[in-house]
PDB file of N, CA and C in Angstrom:
ATOM      1  N   MET A   1     -14.738  -7.697  -8.792  1.00  0.00           N
ATOM      2  CA  MET A   1     -13.344  -7.353  -8.867  1.00  0.00           C
ATOM      3  C   MET A   1     -12.746  -8.107 -10.040  1.00  0.00           C
ATOM      4  N   ASN A   2     -11.995  -7.413 -10.866  1.00  0.00           N
ATOM      5  CA  ASN A   2     -11.341  -8.022 -12.017  1.00  0.00           C
ATOM      6  C   ASN A   2      -9.838  -8.063 -11.787  1.00  0.00           C
ATOM      7  N   PHE A   3      -9.239  -9.209 -12.017  1.00  0.00           N
ATOM      8  CA  PHE A   3      -7.793  -9.351 -11.905  1.00  0.00           C
ATOM      9  C   PHE A   3      -7.177  -9.274 -13.290  1.00  0.00           C
ATOM     10  N   LYS A   4      -6.126  -8.494 -13.409  1.00  0.00           N
ATOM     11  CA  LYS A   4      -5.386  -8.441 -14.660  1.00  0.00           C
ATOM     12  C   LYS A   4      -4.446  -9.640 -14.707  1.00  0.00           C
ATOM     13  N   ALA A   5      -4.124 -10.079 -15.887  1.00  0.00           N
ATOM     14  CA  ALA A   5      -3.235 -11.228 -16.047  1.00  0.00           C
ATOM     15  C   ALA A   5      -1.846 -10.909 -15.512  1.00  0.00           C
ATOM     16  N   SER A   6      -1.257 -11.875 -14.842  1.00  0.00           N
ATOM     17  CA  SER A   6       0.084 -11.703 -14.305  1.00  0.00           C
ATOM     18  C   SER A   6       0.789 -13.051 -14.287  1.00  0.00           C
ATOM     19  N   ALA A   7       2.083 -13.030 -14.561  1.00  0.00           N
ATOM     20  CA  ALA A   7       2.868 -14.258 -14.523  1.00  0.00           C
ATOM     21  C   ALA A   7       3.210 -14.640 -13.084  1.00  0.00           C
ATOM     22  N   GLU A   8       3.119 -13.673 -12.161  1.00  0.00           N
ATOM     23  CA  GLU A   8       3.445 -13.920 -10.766  1.00  0.00           C
ATOM     24  C   GLU A   8       2.191 -14.169  -9.949  1.00  0.00           C
ATOM     25  N   THR A   9       2.374 -14.835  -8.832  1.00  0.00           N
ATOM     26  CA  THR A   9       1.288 -15.027  -7.885  1.00  0.00           C
ATOM     27  C   THR A   9       1.572 -14.135  -6.689  1.00  0.00           C
ATOM     28  N   TYR A  10       0.608 -13.302  -6.336  1.00  0.00           N
ATOM     29  CA  TYR A  10       0.801 -12.368  -5.239  1.00  0.00           C
ATOM     30  C   TYR A  10      -0.032 -12.741  -4.031  1.00  0.00           C
ATOM     31  N   GLU A  11       0.499 -12.431  -2.874  1.00  0.00           N
ATOM     32  CA  GLU A  11      -0.227 -12.565  -1.626  1.00  0.00           C
ATOM     33  C   GLU A  11      -0.558 -11.148  -1.160  1.00  0.00           C
ATOM     34  N   TYR A  12      -1.799 -10.929  -0.797  1.00  0.00           N
ATOM     35  CA  TYR A  12      -2.239  -9.613  -0.351  1.00  0.00           C
ATOM     36  C   TYR A  12      -2.412  -9.626   1.158  1.00  0.00           C
ATOM     37  N   ASP A  13      -1.933  -8.583   1.832  1.00  0.00           N
ATOM     38  CA  ASP A  13      -2.131  -8.483   3.278  1.00  0.00           C
ATOM     39  C   ASP A  13      -3.602  -8.249   3.581  1.00  0.00           C
ATOM     40  N   ILE A  14      -4.145  -7.151   3.042  1.00  0.00           N
ATOM     41  CA  ILE A  14      -5.550  -6.807   3.259  1.00  0.00           C
ATOM     42  C   ILE A  14      -6.117  -6.248   1.966  1.00  0.00           C
ATOM     43  N   VAL A  15      -7.275  -6.742   1.563  1.00  0.00           N
ATOM     44  CA  VAL A  15      -7.997  -6.178   0.426  1.00  0.00           C
ATOM     45  C   VAL A  15      -9.420  -5.904   0.889  1.00  0.00           C
ATOM     46  N   LEU A  16      -9.850  -4.659   0.720  1.00  0.00           N
ATOM     47  CA  LEU A  16     -11.222  -4.263   1.042  1.00  0.00           C
ATOM     48  C   LEU A  16     -11.926  -3.917  -0.255  1.00  0.00           C
ATOM     49  N   CYS A  17     -13.070  -4.512  -0.480  1.00  0.00           N
ATOM     50  CA  CYS A  17     -13.803  -4.287  -1.718  1.00  0.00           C
ATOM     51  C   CYS A  17     -15.233  -3.881  -1.371  1.00  0.00           C
ATOM     52  N   PHE A  18     -15.613  -2.675  -1.784  1.00  0.00           N
ATOM     53  CA  PHE A  18     -16.948  -2.144  -1.520  1.00  0.00           C
ATOM     54  C   PHE A  18     -17.744  -1.991  -2.805  1.00  0.00           C
ATOM     55  N   GLY A  19     -17.370  -2.684  -3.820  1.00  0.00           N
ATOM     56  CA  GLY A  19     -18.015  -2.598  -5.118  1.00  0.00           C
ATOM     57  C   GLY A  19     -16.960  -2.696  -6.201  1.00  0.00           C
ATOM     58  N   LYS A  20     -17.426  -2.679  -7.422  1.00  0.00           N
ATOM     59  CA  LYS A  20     -16.528  -2.876  -8.556  1.00  0.00           C
ATOM     60  C   LYS A  20     -15.422  -1.811  -8.643  1.00  0.00           C
ATOM     61  N   ASN A  21     -15.729  -0.579  -8.226  1.00  0.00           N
ATOM     62  CA  ASN A  21     -14.764   0.510  -8.382  1.00  0.00           C
ATOM     63  C   ASN A  21     -14.251   1.071  -7.068  1.00  0.00           C
ATOM     64  N   ILE A  22     -14.548   0.411  -5.961  1.00  0.00           N
ATOM     65  CA  ILE A  22     -14.078   0.895  -4.660  1.00  0.00           C
ATOM     66  C   ILE A  22     -13.303  -0.241  -3.998  1.00  0.00           C
ATOM     67  N   ILE A  23     -12.019  -0.296  -4.316  1.00  0.00           N
ATOM     68  CA  ILE A  23     -11.159  -1.383  -3.841  1.00  0.00           C
ATOM     69  C   ILE A  23      -9.905  -0.778  -3.199  1.00  0.00           C
ATOM     70  N   TYR A  24      -9.559  -1.294  -2.036  1.00  0.00           N
ATOM     71  CA  TYR A  24      -8.392  -0.828  -1.305  1.00  0.00           C
ATOM     72  C   TYR A  24      -7.490  -2.007  -1.000  1.00  0.00           C
ATOM     73  N   GLN A  25      -6.197  -1.795  -1.205  1.00  0.00           N
ATOM     74  CA  GLN A  25      -5.211  -2.800  -0.840  1.00  0.00           C
ATOM     75  C   GLN A  25      -4.324  -2.171   0.220  1.00  0.00           C
ATOM     76  N   ILE A  26      -4.157  -2.867   1.346  1.00  0.00           N
ATOM     77  CA  ILE A  26      -3.339  -2.358   2.450  1.00  0.00           C
ATOM     78  C   ILE A  26      -2.221  -3.347   2.710  1.00  0.00           C
ATOM     79  N   GLU A  27      -0.998  -2.866   2.598  1.00  0.00           N
ATOM     80  CA  GLU A  27       0.190  -3.667   2.887  1.00  0.00           C
ATOM     81  C   GLU A  27       0.779  -3.195   4.208  1.00  0.00           C
ATOM     82  N   CYS A  28       1.229  -4.108   5.027  1.00  0.00           N
ATOM     83  CA  CYS A  28       1.859  -3.793   6.309  1.00  0.00           C
ATOM     84  C   CYS A  28       3.327  -4.211   6.237  1.00  0.00           C
ATOM     85  N   LYS A  29       4.208  -3.265   6.546  1.00  0.00           N
ATOM     86  CA  LYS A  29       5.644  -3.533   6.418  1.00  0.00           C
ATOM     87  C   LYS A  29       6.361  -3.177   7.709  1.00  0.00           C
ATOM     88  N   ASP A  30       7.106  -4.118   8.253  1.00  0.00           N
ATOM     89  CA  ASP A  30       7.934  -3.916   9.435  1.00  0.00           C
ATOM     90  C   ASP A  30       9.380  -3.733   8.968  1.00  0.00           C
ATOM     91  N   TYR A  31      10.060  -2.724   9.501  1.00  0.00           N
ATOM     92  CA  TYR A  31      11.397  -2.396   9.022  1.00  0.00           C
ATOM     93  C   TYR A  31      12.357  -3.587   9.095  1.00  0.00           C
ATOM     94  N   SER A  32      12.368  -4.291  10.220  1.00  0.00           N
ATOM     95  CA  SER A  32      13.339  -5.384  10.365  1.00  0.00           C
ATOM     96  C   SER A  32      13.110  -6.478   9.331  1.00  0.00           C
ATOM     97  N   THR A  33      11.866  -6.807   9.067  1.00  0.00           N
ATOM     98  CA  THR A  33      11.553  -7.847   8.076  1.00  0.00           C
ATOM     99  C   THR A  33      11.856  -7.382   6.660  1.00  0.00           C
ATOM    100  N   VAL A  34      11.432  -6.166   6.334  1.00  0.00           N
ATOM    101  CA  VAL A  34      11.624  -5.641   4.980  1.00  0.00           C
ATOM    102  C   VAL A  34      13.105  -5.459   4.670  1.00  0.00           C
ATOM    103  N   SER A  35      13.868  -4.959   5.626  1.00  0.00           N
ATOM    104  CA  SER A  35      15.298  -4.751   5.363  1.00  0.00           C
ATOM    105  C   SER A  35      16.024  -6.083   5.180  1.00  0.00           C
ATOM    106  N   GLU A  36      15.650  -7.102   5.949  1.00  0.00           N
ATOM    107  CA  GLU A  36      16.253  -8.436   5.761  1.00  0.00           C
ATOM    108  C   GLU A  36      15.879  -9.018   4.399  1.00  0.00           C
ATOM    109  N   ASP A  37      14.594  -8.887   4.028  1.00  0.00           N
ATOM    110  CA  ASP A  37      14.145  -9.389   2.723  1.00  0.00           C
ATOM    111  C   ASP A  37      14.868  -8.687   1.585  1.00  0.00           C
ATOM    112  N   ALA A  38      15.044  -7.378   1.705  1.00  0.00           N
ATOM    113  CA  ALA A  38      15.705  -6.607   0.656  1.00  0.00           C
ATOM    114  C   ALA A  38      17.156  -7.063   0.486  1.00  0.00           C
ATOM    115  N   LYS A  39      17.820  -7.321   1.598  1.00  0.00           N
ATOM    116  CA  LYS A  39      19.204  -7.792   1.533  1.00  0.00           C
ATOM    117  C   LYS A  39      19.281  -9.191   0.924  1.00  0.00           C
ATOM    118  N   SER A  40      18.364 -10.068   1.331  1.00  0.00           N
ATOM    119  CA  SER A  40      18.440 -11.460   0.870  1.00  0.00           C
ATOM    120  C   SER A  40      18.163 -11.614  -0.619  1.00  0.00           C
ATOM    121  N   ASP A  41      17.280 -10.765  -1.172  1.00  0.00           N
ATOM    122  CA  ASP A  41      17.033 -10.900  -2.612  1.00  0.00           C
ATOM    123  C   ASP A  41      17.586  -9.719  -3.416  1.00  0.00           C
ATOM    124  N   ASN A  42      18.495  -8.975  -2.783  1.00  0.00           N
ATOM    125  CA  ASN A  42      19.254  -7.912  -3.455  1.00  0.00           C
ATOM    126  C   ASN A  42      18.352  -6.865  -4.134  1.00  0.00           C
ATOM    127  N   THR A  43      17.326  -6.411  -3.418  1.00  0.00           N
ATOM    128  CA  THR A  43      16.482  -5.333  -3.908  1.00  0.00           C
ATOM    129  C   THR A  43      16.537  -4.174  -2.922  1.00  0.00           C
ATOM    130  N   SER A  44      15.944  -3.067  -3.297  1.00  0.00           N
ATOM    131  CA  SER A  44      15.974  -1.889  -2.435  1.00  0.00           C
ATOM    132  C   SER A  44      14.758  -1.848  -1.514  1.00  0.00           C
ATOM    133  N   LEU A  45      14.881  -1.092  -0.437  1.00  0.00           N
ATOM    134  CA  LEU A  45      13.733  -0.862   0.441  1.00  0.00           C
ATOM    135  C   LEU A  45      12.605  -0.186  -0.330  1.00  0.00           C
ATOM    136  N   ARG A  46      12.970   0.737  -1.204  1.00  0.00           N
ATOM    137  CA  ARG A  46      11.974   1.446  -2.014  1.00  0.00           C
ATOM    138  C   ARG A  46      11.158   0.461  -2.858  1.00  0.00           C
ATOM    139  N   ASN A  47      11.828  -0.525  -3.399  1.00  0.00           N
ATOM    140  CA  ASN A  47      11.133  -1.540  -4.190  1.00  0.00           C
ATOM    141  C   ASN A  47      10.140  -2.321  -3.324  1.00  0.00           C
ATOM    142  N   LYS A  48      10.576  -2.702  -2.130  1.00  0.00           N
ATOM    143  CA  LYS A  48       9.725  -3.477  -1.221  1.00  0.00           C
ATOM    144  C   LYS A  48       8.553  -2.665  -0.680  1.00  0.00           C
ATOM    145  N   VAL A  49       8.782  -1.369  -0.436  1.00  0.00           N
ATOM    146  CA  VAL A  49       7.770  -0.531   0.210  1.00  0.00           C
ATOM    147  C   VAL A  49       6.842   0.157  -0.793  1.00  0.00           C
ATOM    148  N   ILE A  50       7.349   0.526  -1.964  1.00  0.00           N
ATOM    149  CA  ILE A  50       6.551   1.300  -2.927  1.00  0.00           C
ATOM    150  C   ILE A  50       6.160   0.468  -4.157  1.00  0.00           C
ATOM    151  N   PHE A  51       7.149  -0.013  -4.883  1.00  0.00           N
ATOM    152  CA  PHE A  51       6.887  -0.617  -6.187  1.00  0.00           C
ATOM    153  C   PHE A  51       6.113  -1.928  -6.117  1.00  0.00           C
ATOM    154  N   GLN A  52       6.514  -2.841  -5.254  1.00  0.00           N
ATOM    155  CA  GLN A  52       5.812  -4.129  -5.183  1.00  0.00           C
ATOM    156  C   GLN A  52       4.356  -3.973  -4.739  1.00  0.00           C
ATOM    157  N   PRO A  53       4.085  -3.207  -3.679  1.00  0.00           N
ATOM    158  CA  PRO A  53       2.671  -3.006  -3.321  1.00  0.00           C
ATOM    159  C   PRO A  53       1.871  -2.317  -4.431  1.00  0.00           C
ATOM    160  N   LYS A  54       2.466  -1.341  -5.099  1.00  0.00           N
ATOM    161  CA  LYS A  54       1.783  -0.646  -6.191  1.00  0.00           C
ATOM    162  C   LYS A  54       1.463  -1.613  -7.331  1.00  0.00           C
ATOM    163  N   ASP A  55       2.412  -2.473  -7.677  1.00  0.00           N
ATOM    164  CA  ASP A  55       2.178  -3.462  -8.736  1.00  0.00           C
ATOM    165  C   ASP A  55       1.017  -4.377  -8.371  1.00  0.00           C
ATOM    166  N   LYS A  56       0.987  -4.838  -7.132  1.00  0.00           N
ATOM    167  CA  LYS A  56      -0.100  -5.719  -6.694  1.00  0.00           C
ATOM    168  C   LYS A  56      -1.434  -4.989  -6.735  1.00  0.00           C
ATOM    169  N   ALA A  57      -1.471  -3.756  -6.277  1.00  0.00           N
ATOM    170  CA  ALA A  57      -2.713  -2.979  -6.275  1.00  0.00           C
ATOM    171  C   ALA A  57      -3.212  -2.739  -7.697  1.00  0.00           C
ATOM    172  N   SER A  58      -2.299  -2.491  -8.616  1.00  0.00           N
ATOM    173  CA  SER A  58      -2.715  -2.214  -9.996  1.00  0.00           C
ATOM    174  C   SER A  58      -3.360  -3.438 -10.658  1.00  0.00           C
ATOM    175  N   LEU A  59      -3.006  -4.633 -10.218  1.00  0.00           N
ATOM    176  CA  LEU A  59      -3.604  -5.841 -10.779  1.00  0.00           C
ATOM    177  C   LEU A  59      -5.094  -5.958 -10.469  1.00  0.00           C
ATOM    178  N   ILE A  60      -5.521  -5.338  -9.377  1.00  0.00           N
ATOM    179  CA  ILE A  60      -6.937  -5.410  -9.003  1.00  0.00           C
ATOM    180  C   ILE A  60      -7.593  -4.022  -9.023  1.00  0.00           C
ATOM    181  N   ASN A  61      -6.919  -3.059  -9.651  1.00  0.00           N
ATOM    182  CA  ASN A  61      -7.413  -1.680  -9.739  1.00  0.00           C
ATOM    183  C   ASN A  61      -7.762  -1.100  -8.372  1.00  0.00           C
ATOM    184  N   ALA A  62      -6.866  -1.304  -7.414  1.00  0.00           N
ATOM    185  CA  ALA A  62      -7.104  -0.872  -6.041  1.00  0.00           C
ATOM    186  C   ALA A  62      -6.279   0.356  -5.684  1.00  0.00           C
ATOM    187  N   LYS A  63      -6.787   1.120  -4.740  1.00  0.00           N
ATOM    188  CA  LYS A  63      -6.036   2.205  -4.114  1.00  0.00           C
ATOM    189  C   LYS A  63      -5.054   1.534  -3.164  1.00  0.00           C
ATOM    190  N   CYS A  64      -3.798   1.963  -3.185  1.00  0.00           N
ATOM    191  CA  CYS A  64      -2.746   1.291  -2.424  1.00  0.00           C
ATOM    192  C   CYS A  64      -2.322   2.092  -1.196  1.00  0.00           C
ATOM    193  N   TYR A  65      -2.373   1.427  -0.041  1.00  0.00           N
ATOM    194  CA  TYR A  65      -1.856   1.977   1.210  1.00  0.00           C
ATOM    195  C   TYR A  65      -0.755   1.052   1.699  1.00  0.00           C
ATOM    196  N   VAL A  66       0.299   1.650   2.265  1.00  0.00           N
ATOM    197  CA  VAL A  66       1.354   0.865   2.891  1.00  0.00           C
ATOM    198  C   VAL A  66       1.553   1.427   4.303  1.00  0.00           C
ATOM    199  N   VAL A  67       1.373   0.559   5.283  1.00  0.00           N
ATOM    200  CA  VAL A  67       1.527   0.945   6.686  1.00  0.00           C
ATOM    201  C   VAL A  67       2.904   0.489   7.149  1.00  0.00           C
ATOM    202  N   LEU A  68       3.692   1.441   7.656  1.00  0.00           N
ATOM    203  CA  LEU A  68       5.066   1.155   8.055  1.00  0.00           C
ATOM    204  C   LEU A  68       5.228   1.140   9.569  1.00  0.00           C
ATOM    205  N   LYS A  69       6.031   0.200  10.032  1.00  0.00           N
ATOM    206  CA  LYS A  69       6.343   0.088  11.463  1.00  0.00           C
ATOM    207  C   LYS A  69       7.856  -0.003  11.624  1.00  0.00           C
ATOM    208  N   GLY A  70       8.408   0.781  12.550  1.00  0.00           N
ATOM    209  CA  GLY A  70       9.831   0.688  12.861  1.00  0.00           C
ATOM    210  C   GLY A  70      10.748   1.440  11.914  1.00  0.00           C
ATOM    211  N   PHE A  71      10.212   2.218  10.999  1.00  0.00           N
ATOM    212  CA  PHE A  71      11.029   3.004  10.075  1.00  0.00           C
ATOM    213  C   PHE A  71      11.394   4.333  10.727  1.00  0.00           C
ATOM    214  N   SER A  72      12.592   4.828  10.457  1.00  0.00           N
ATOM    215  CA  SER A  72      13.001   6.133  10.994  1.00  0.00           C
ATOM    216  C   SER A  72      12.131   7.231  10.385  1.00  0.00           C
ATOM    217  N   GLN A  73      12.063   8.358  11.062  1.00  0.00           N
ATOM    218  CA  GLN A  73      11.274   9.475  10.545  1.00  0.00           C
ATOM    219  C   GLN A  73      11.820   9.935   9.195  1.00  0.00           C
ATOM    220  N   LYS A  74      13.122   9.876   9.018  1.00  0.00           N
ATOM    221  CA  LYS A  74      13.734  10.275   7.746  1.00  0.00           C
ATOM    222  C   LYS A  74      13.241   9.367   6.604  1.00  0.00           C
ATOM    223  N   LEU A  75      13.290   8.061   6.819  1.00  0.00           N
ATOM    224  CA  LEU A  75      12.820   7.128   5.785  1.00  0.00           C
ATOM    225  C   LEU A  75      11.316   7.269   5.552  1.00  0.00           C
ATOM    226  N   LEU A  76      10.571   7.442   6.620  1.00  0.00           N
ATOM    227  CA  LEU A  76       9.122   7.603   6.501  1.00  0.00           C
ATOM    228  C   LEU A  76       8.790   8.817   5.645  1.00  0.00           C
ATOM    229  N   THR A  77       9.438   9.924   5.903  1.00  0.00           N
ATOM    230  CA  THR A  77       9.214  11.149   5.123  1.00  0.00           C
ATOM    231  C   THR A  77       9.597  10.953   3.663  1.00  0.00           C
ATOM    232  N   GLU A  78      10.721  10.297   3.430  1.00  0.00           N
ATOM    233  CA  GLU A  78      11.178  10.024   2.056  1.00  0.00           C
ATOM    234  C   GLU A  78      10.173   9.136   1.319  1.00  0.00           C
ATOM    235  N   PHE A  79       9.730   8.073   1.962  1.00  0.00           N
ATOM    236  CA  PHE A  79       8.772   7.160   1.336  1.00  0.00           C
ATOM    237  C   PHE A  79       7.409   7.809   1.119  1.00  0.00           C
ATOM    238  N   GLU A  80       6.987   8.683   2.050  1.00  0.00           N
ATOM    239  CA  GLU A  80       5.715   9.392   1.868  1.00  0.00           C
ATOM    240  C   GLU A  80       5.745  10.223   0.588  1.00  0.00           C
ATOM    241  N   ALA A  81       6.836  10.972   0.391  1.00  0.00           N
ATOM    242  CA  ALA A  81       6.965  11.814  -0.802  1.00  0.00           C
ATOM    243  C   ALA A  81       7.064  10.971  -2.063  1.00  0.00           C
ATOM    244  N   PHE A  82       7.875   9.947  -2.023  1.00  0.00           N
ATOM    245  CA  PHE A  82       8.056   9.081  -3.186  1.00  0.00           C
ATOM    246  C   PHE A  82       6.763   8.342  -3.518  1.00  0.00           C
ATOM    247  N   GLY A  83       6.070   7.867  -2.495  1.00  0.00           N
ATOM    248  CA  GLY A  83       4.812   7.166  -2.694  1.00  0.00           C
ATOM    249  C   GLY A  83       3.730   8.062  -3.255  1.00  0.00           C
ATOM    250  N   LYS A  84       3.657   9.279  -2.751  1.00  0.00           N
ATOM    251  CA  LYS A  84       2.643  10.228  -3.223  1.00  0.00           C
ATOM    252  C   LYS A  84       2.757  10.449  -4.726  1.00  0.00           C
ATOM    253  N   ALA A  85       3.972  10.536  -5.225  1.00  0.00           N
ATOM    254  CA  ALA A  85       4.202  10.733  -6.655  1.00  0.00           C
ATOM    255  C   ALA A  85       3.752   9.532  -7.476  1.00  0.00           C
ATOM    256  N   ARG A  86       3.592   8.383  -6.821  1.00  0.00           N
ATOM    257  CA  ARG A  86       3.195   7.152  -7.516  1.00  0.00           C
ATOM    258  C   ARG A  86       1.819   6.643  -7.076  1.00  0.00           C
ATOM    259  N   ASP A  87       1.060   7.512  -6.427  1.00  0.00           N
ATOM    260  CA  ASP A  87      -0.294   7.207  -5.951  1.00  0.00           C
ATOM    261  C   ASP A  87      -0.311   6.031  -4.972  1.00  0.00           C
ATOM    262  N   VAL A  88       0.703   5.999  -4.111  1.00  0.00           N
ATOM    263  CA  VAL A  88       0.772   5.033  -3.014  1.00  0.00           C
ATOM    264  C   VAL A  88       0.778   5.843  -1.725  1.00  0.00           C
ATOM    265  N   THR A  89      -0.188   5.595  -0.866  1.00  0.00           N
ATOM    266  CA  THR A  89      -0.265   6.324   0.394  1.00  0.00           C
ATOM    267  C   THR A  89       0.543   5.585   1.448  1.00  0.00           C
ATOM    268  N   ILE A  90       1.584   6.244   1.944  1.00  0.00           N
ATOM    269  CA  ILE A  90       2.451   5.677   2.969  1.00  0.00           C
ATOM    270  C   ILE A  90       2.004   6.233   4.318  1.00  0.00           C
ATOM    271  N   LEU A  91       1.774   5.332   5.277  1.00  0.00           N
ATOM    272  CA  LEU A  91       1.284   5.741   6.589  1.00  0.00           C
ATOM    273  C   LEU A  91       2.107   5.102   7.698  1.00  0.00           C
ATOM    274  N   ASP A  92       2.316   5.856   8.754  1.00  0.00           N
ATOM    275  CA  ASP A  92       2.965   5.336   9.943  1.00  0.00           C
ATOM    276  C   ASP A  92       1.937   4.540  10.746  1.00  0.00           C
ATOM    277  N   GLU A  93       2.397   3.548  11.468  1.00  0.00           N
ATOM    278  CA  GLU A  93       1.476   2.702  12.223  1.00  0.00           C
ATOM    279  C   GLU A  93       0.637   3.475  13.236  1.00  0.00           C
ATOM    280  N   SER A  94       1.105   4.636  13.669  1.00  0.00           N
ATOM    281  CA  SER A  94       0.387   5.393  14.694  1.00  0.00           C
ATOM    282  C   SER A  94      -0.836   6.131  14.165  1.00  0.00           C
ATOM    283  N   ARG A  95      -0.939   6.329  12.852  1.00  0.00           N
ATOM    284  CA  ARG A  95      -2.054   7.126  12.330  1.00  0.00           C
ATOM    285  C   ARG A  95      -2.786   6.496  11.147  1.00  0.00           C
ATOM    286  N   TYR A  96      -2.463   5.286  10.816  1.00  0.00           N
ATOM    287  CA  TYR A  96      -3.018   4.694   9.599  1.00  0.00           C
ATOM    288  C   TYR A  96      -4.532   4.520   9.634  1.00  0.00           C
ATOM    289  N   LEU A  97      -5.059   4.103  10.760  1.00  0.00           N
ATOM    290  CA  LEU A  97      -6.474   3.756  10.819  1.00  0.00           C
ATOM    291  C   LEU A  97      -7.384   4.953  10.551  1.00  0.00           C
ATOM    292  N   ASP A  98      -7.076   6.095  11.149  1.00  0.00           N
ATOM    293  CA  ASP A  98      -7.899   7.291  10.933  1.00  0.00           C
ATOM    294  C   ASP A  98      -7.881   7.734   9.476  1.00  0.00           C
ATOM    295  N   VAL A  99      -6.715   7.694   8.856  1.00  0.00           N
ATOM    296  CA  VAL A  99      -6.584   8.120   7.461  1.00  0.00           C
ATOM    297  C   VAL A  99      -7.363   7.188   6.539  1.00  0.00           C
ATOM    298  N   ILE A 100      -7.214   5.900   6.726  1.00  0.00           N
ATOM    299  CA  ILE A 100      -7.898   4.935   5.858  1.00  0.00           C
ATOM    300  C   ILE A 100      -9.411   5.012   6.054  1.00  0.00           C
ATOM    301  N   LYS A 101      -9.859   5.107   7.292  1.00  0.00           N
ATOM    302  CA  LYS A 101     -11.300   5.234   7.557  1.00  0.00           C
ATOM    303  C   LYS A 101     -11.879   6.464   6.861  1.00  0.00           C
ATOM    304  N   LYS A 102     -11.186   7.578   6.984  1.00  0.00           N
ATOM    305  CA  LYS A 102     -11.658   8.822   6.370  1.00  0.00           C
ATOM    306  C   LYS A 102     -11.738   8.676   4.847  1.00  0.00           C
ATOM    307  N   ASP A 103     -10.700   8.112   4.241  1.00  0.00           N
ATOM    308  CA  ASP A 103     -10.682   7.932   2.785  1.00  0.00           C
ATOM    309  C   ASP A 103     -11.819   7.024   2.320  1.00  0.00           C
ATOM    310  N   ILE A 104     -12.029   5.932   3.044  1.00  0.00           N
ATOM    311  CA  ILE A 104     -13.094   4.995   2.663  1.00  0.00           C
ATOM    312  C   ILE A 104     -14.463   5.657   2.790  1.00  0.00           C
ATOM    313  N   MET A 105     -14.702   6.319   3.910  1.00  0.00           N
ATOM    314  CA  MET A 105     -16.008   6.967   4.116  1.00  0.00           C
ATOM    315  C   MET A 105     -16.252   8.053   3.064  1.00  0.00           C
ATOM    316  N   THR A 106     -15.241   8.814   2.745  1.00  0.00           N
ATOM    317  CA  THR A 106     -15.372   9.848   1.726  1.00  0.00           C
ATOM    318  C   THR A 106     -15.750   9.236   0.385  1.00  0.00           C
ATOM    319  N   LYS A 107     -15.046   8.178  -0.001  1.00  0.00           N
ATOM    320  CA  LYS A 107     -15.305   7.509  -1.291  1.00  0.00           C
ATOM    321  C   LYS A 107     -16.713   6.903  -1.328  1.00  0.00           C
ATOM    322  N   LEU A 108     -17.118   6.274  -0.241  1.00  0.00           N
ATOM    323  CA  LEU A 108     -18.451   5.676  -0.182  1.00  0.00           C
ATOM    324  C   LEU A 108     -19.537   6.749  -0.279  1.00  0.00           C
ATOM    325  N   LEU A 109     -19.346   7.857   0.422  1.00  0.00           N
ATOM    326  CA  LEU A 109     -20.329   8.947   0.367  1.00  0.00           C
ATOM    327  C   LEU A 109     -20.388   9.587  -1.024  1.00  0.00           C
ATOM    328  N   GLU A 110     -19.248   9.707  -1.670  1.00  0.00           N
ATOM    329  CA  GLU A 110     -19.219  10.252  -3.037  1.00  0.00           C
ATOM    330  C   GLU A 110     -20.067   9.393  -3.974  1.00  0.00           C
ATOM    331  N   ASN A 111     -20.052   8.110  -3.769  1.00  0.00           N
ATOM    332  CA  ASN A 111     -20.793   7.198  -4.646  1.00  0.00           C
ATOM    333  C   ASN A 111     -22.286   7.141  -4.328  1.00  0.00           C
ATOM    334  N   ILE A 112     -22.647   7.569  -3.145  1.00  0.00           N
ATOM    335  CA  ILE A 112     -24.055   7.605  -2.776  1.00  0.00           C
ATOM    336  C   ILE A 112     -24.715   8.874  -3.281  1.00  0.00           C
ATOM    337  N   ILE A 113     -23.988   9.968  -3.182  1.00  0.00           N
ATOM    338  CA  ILE A 113     -24.539  11.281  -3.547  1.00  0.00           C
ATOM    339  C   ILE A 113     -24.560  11.480  -5.044  1.00  0.00           C
TER     340      ILE A 113
END
C-alpha cells in the first residue's frame, strides 16, 4: 500500500487490503455524532459524509464506503446519489455487509481469472 503525501494526519475506521490494487476504506458515521461535529467546526454534513472519507481513501488509492446510521431516508437517498457521482458508496447500516462482501468477492475473483 502506498500513501500519498498529506499535510494532515488521518484516522481510518476500517481499511481492508488484499494486495497492492485491492484496497477498501470503510467509514462509519452516526447521525448524532456527525451533525454535532459539523456544527462545532462549521462544516456541512455532506463534507463529513462524502468529501472527508473520499479524501482519506484517495490517499491510499482505496475504494471508499461510508456506512450511515440514524440518517433519515431523505438524507440517505441524497447522499447515495451525491456519493455515487464521486465514487463513494453510501450504505445504510441495515445492508452494508452484503454489499461490501459482494464487491470484495467480485474484485478478488476478477483478479484470479
